[in-house]
Amino acid sequence: MKKMVMPNDVLLPAVGEIVAEGGSVTLRTKGMSMMPFIIGDRDCVLLVRPEELKVGDIVLAKVANGAFVLHRVFEVDGDSLVLMGDGNLEGKERCGRGDVLAQAVAIIKEDGREIDCTSAGHLRKARIWRLLMPLRRYLLAVYRRIIK
């Protein structure tokens, strides 16, 4: 299979257009900001048009500084969303609902397994992970050693 690398500012707006028209896109992730649920350069996500967004959903959004992030909805305040990566220890981004390009509905692991990231079970795990925020630094340090 031929591999093509494109800059985010070219690729991700095109992804947004495809899903806005009702299509879906499978995208390989980069970075470690969504560990332990999504491993960059290994896992893919299936992106679709965002529906009614709620806390716990994983979204692809353009945030205030113009960067694109694939992060979890941390808080909903009217038309404003607060996002935070599962692998982040601090630092949240803000965006409007209109800045959300797509919603992840599945995480596709390296071995081909698909995880429904909108399921009650997945969202429960994400809530527990959020409650473990004070311990994340230590848990992620151990996890990074395990996955290498």
Protein backbone atom coordinates (compact mmCIF):
# COMPACT_ATOMS: atom_id res chain seq x y z
CA MET A 1 0.00 0.00 0.00
CA LYS A 2 1.32 3.41 -0.91
CA LYS A 3 1.72 5.80 1.99
CA MET A 4 1.13 9.53 1.57
CA VAL A 5 1.91 12.17 4.16
CA MET A 6 0.00 15.47 4.04
CA PRO A 7 0.14 18.45 6.35
CA ASN A 8 -2.79 18.74 8.77
CA ASP A 9 -3.85 22.13 7.39
CA VAL A 10 -4.46 20.46 4.00
CA LEU A 11 -5.73 17.02 5.01
CA LEU A 12 -8.04 17.79 7.93
CA PRO A 13 -10.24 20.44 6.27
CA ALA A 14 -10.76 17.89 3.45
CA VAL A 15 -11.74 15.30 6.07
CA GLY A 16 -14.24 17.82 7.46
CA GLU A 17 -15.77 18.33 4.00
CA ILE A 18 -16.14 14.58 3.41
CA VAL A 19 -17.91 13.96 6.71
CA ALA A 20 -20.07 17.10 6.32
CA GLU A 21 -21.38 15.55 3.10
CA GLY A 22 -22.30 12.35 4.98
CA GLY A 23 -19.18 10.35 4.27
CA SER A 24 -16.82 8.71 6.71
CA VAL A 25 -13.03 8.77 6.92
CA THR A 26 -10.59 6.38 8.57
CA LEU A 27 -7.53 8.28 9.74
CA ARG A 28 -4.31 7.07 11.35
CA THR A 29 -3.64 9.03 14.51
CA LYS A 30 -0.47 10.85 15.50
CA GLY A 31 0.88 11.80 18.88
CA MET A 32 0.29 10.44 22.35
CA SER A 33 -2.30 12.90 23.66
CA MET A 34 -5.08 10.27 23.66
CA MET A 35 -3.22 7.48 25.47
CA PRO A 36 -4.14 4.98 26.79
CA PHE A 37 -7.25 4.72 24.58
CA ILE A 38 -5.63 5.70 21.27
CA ILE A 39 -1.95 5.08 20.49
CA GLY A 40 -0.47 7.44 17.91
CA ASP A 41 1.13 5.94 14.79
CA ARG A 42 -0.58 2.61 15.60
CA ASP A 43 -4.32 3.16 15.89
CA CYS A 44 -6.84 4.63 13.47
CA VAL A 45 -10.17 6.31 14.11
CA LEU A 46 -13.35 6.17 12.07
CA LEU A 47 -14.69 9.71 11.73
CA VAL A 48 -18.24 10.71 10.87
CA ARG A 49 -20.39 13.83 10.92
CA PRO A 50 -20.76 15.04 14.50
CA GLU A 51 -24.20 14.61 15.99
CA GLU A 52 -25.35 15.74 19.42
CA LEU A 53 -22.03 16.12 21.23
CA LYS A 54 -21.72 15.26 24.89
CA VAL A 55 -19.02 14.90 27.52
CA GLY A 56 -16.89 11.86 26.71
CA ASP A 57 -17.19 12.02 22.92
CA ILE A 58 -13.98 12.04 20.89
CA VAL A 59 -13.92 14.80 18.28
CA LEU A 60 -11.67 16.23 15.60
CA ALA A 61 -11.78 20.00 16.04
CA LYS A 62 -9.99 23.18 15.10
CA VAL A 63 -9.12 25.00 18.33
CA ALA A 64 -8.44 28.65 19.13
CA ASN A 65 -4.78 28.70 18.04
CA GLY A 66 -5.71 27.26 14.63
CA ALA A 67 -4.38 23.79 15.42
CA PHE A 68 -6.38 20.62 14.86
CA VAL A 69 -6.82 18.16 17.73
CA LEU A 70 -8.44 14.79 18.21
CA HIS A 71 -9.47 15.03 21.86
CA ARG A 72 -12.28 14.09 24.17
CA VAL A 73 -15.09 16.52 25.07
CA PHE A 74 -14.34 17.43 28.67
CA GLU A 75 -17.10 19.96 29.23
CA VAL A 76 -20.07 21.38 27.31
CA ASP A 77 -21.17 24.96 27.97
CA GLY A 78 -23.90 25.89 25.52
CA ASP A 79 -22.24 26.22 22.11
CA SER A 80 -18.76 26.12 23.64
CA LEU A 81 -16.79 22.92 24.19
CA VAL A 82 -13.78 22.27 26.39
CA LEU A 83 -11.53 19.50 25.04
CA MET A 84 -8.73 17.55 26.67
CA GLY A 85 -6.63 14.63 25.50
CA ASP A 86 -6.81 11.48 27.61
CA GLY A 87 -3.01 11.42 27.77
CA ASN A 88 -2.70 15.04 28.84
CA LEU A 89 -1.92 15.88 32.45
CA GLU A 90 -3.19 19.42 32.13
CA GLY A 91 -4.10 21.88 29.43
CA LYS A 92 -7.47 22.07 27.80
CA GLU A 93 -8.60 23.61 24.53
CA ARG A 94 -11.77 25.54 23.80
CA CYS A 95 -13.75 25.56 20.60
CA GLY A 96 -17.28 26.17 19.41
CA ARG A 97 -19.58 23.40 18.21
CA GLY A 98 -19.08 24.75 14.69
CA ASP A 99 -15.32 24.11 14.98
CA VAL A 100 -15.87 20.36 15.33
CA LEU A 101 -15.09 18.75 11.99
CA ALA A 102 -15.89 15.15 12.88
CA GLN A 103 -16.69 12.73 15.66
CA ALA A 104 -14.84 9.45 16.21
CA VAL A 105 -17.23 6.51 16.41
CA ALA A 106 -14.66 3.71 16.37
CA ILE A 107 -11.05 3.17 17.32
CA ILE A 108 -9.34 0.67 15.05
CA LYS A 109 -6.46 -1.02 16.83
CA GLU A 110 -3.26 -2.14 15.14
CA ASP A 111 -4.50 -5.76 15.03
CA GLY A 112 -7.73 -4.72 13.26
CA ARG A 113 -10.06 -4.84 16.29
CA GLU A 114 -12.69 -2.13 16.27
CA ILE A 115 -13.74 -0.49 19.51
CA ASP A 116 -17.03 1.40 19.52
CA CYS A 117 -15.98 4.60 21.31
CA THR A 118 -19.62 5.71 21.61
CA SER A 119 -20.67 2.61 23.57
CA ALA A 120 -21.71 2.79 27.21
CA GLY A 121 -18.77 0.57 28.18
CA HIS A 122 -16.18 2.76 26.50
CA LEU A 123 -17.69 5.95 27.89
CA ARG A 124 -17.70 4.37 31.38
CA LYS A 125 -13.97 3.60 31.06
CA ALA A 126 -13.36 7.20 29.92
CA ARG A 127 -15.26 8.52 32.98
CA ILE A 128 -13.16 6.36 35.28
CA TRP A 129 -9.99 7.58 33.55
CA ARG A 130 -11.14 11.16 34.08
CA LEU A 131 -11.64 10.47 37.80
CA LEU A 132 -8.07 9.15 37.94
CA MET A 133 -6.72 12.56 36.83
CA PRO A 134 -4.60 13.01 40.00
CA LEU A 135 -2.88 9.67 39.29
CA ARG A 136 -2.53 10.02 35.50
CA ARG A 137 1.13 11.04 35.62
CA TYR A 138 2.06 7.77 37.30
CA LEU A 139 -0.33 5.55 35.36
CA LEU A 140 0.84 6.96 32.01
CA ALA A 141 4.50 6.54 32.99
CA VAL A 142 3.90 2.84 33.66
CA TYR A 143 1.77 2.46 30.52
CA ARG A 144 4.43 4.05 28.28
CA ARG A 145 6.98 1.52 29.53
CA ILE A 146 4.60 -1.37 28.82
CA ILE A 147 3.68 -0.42 25.22
CA LYS A 148 7.23 0.16 23.95
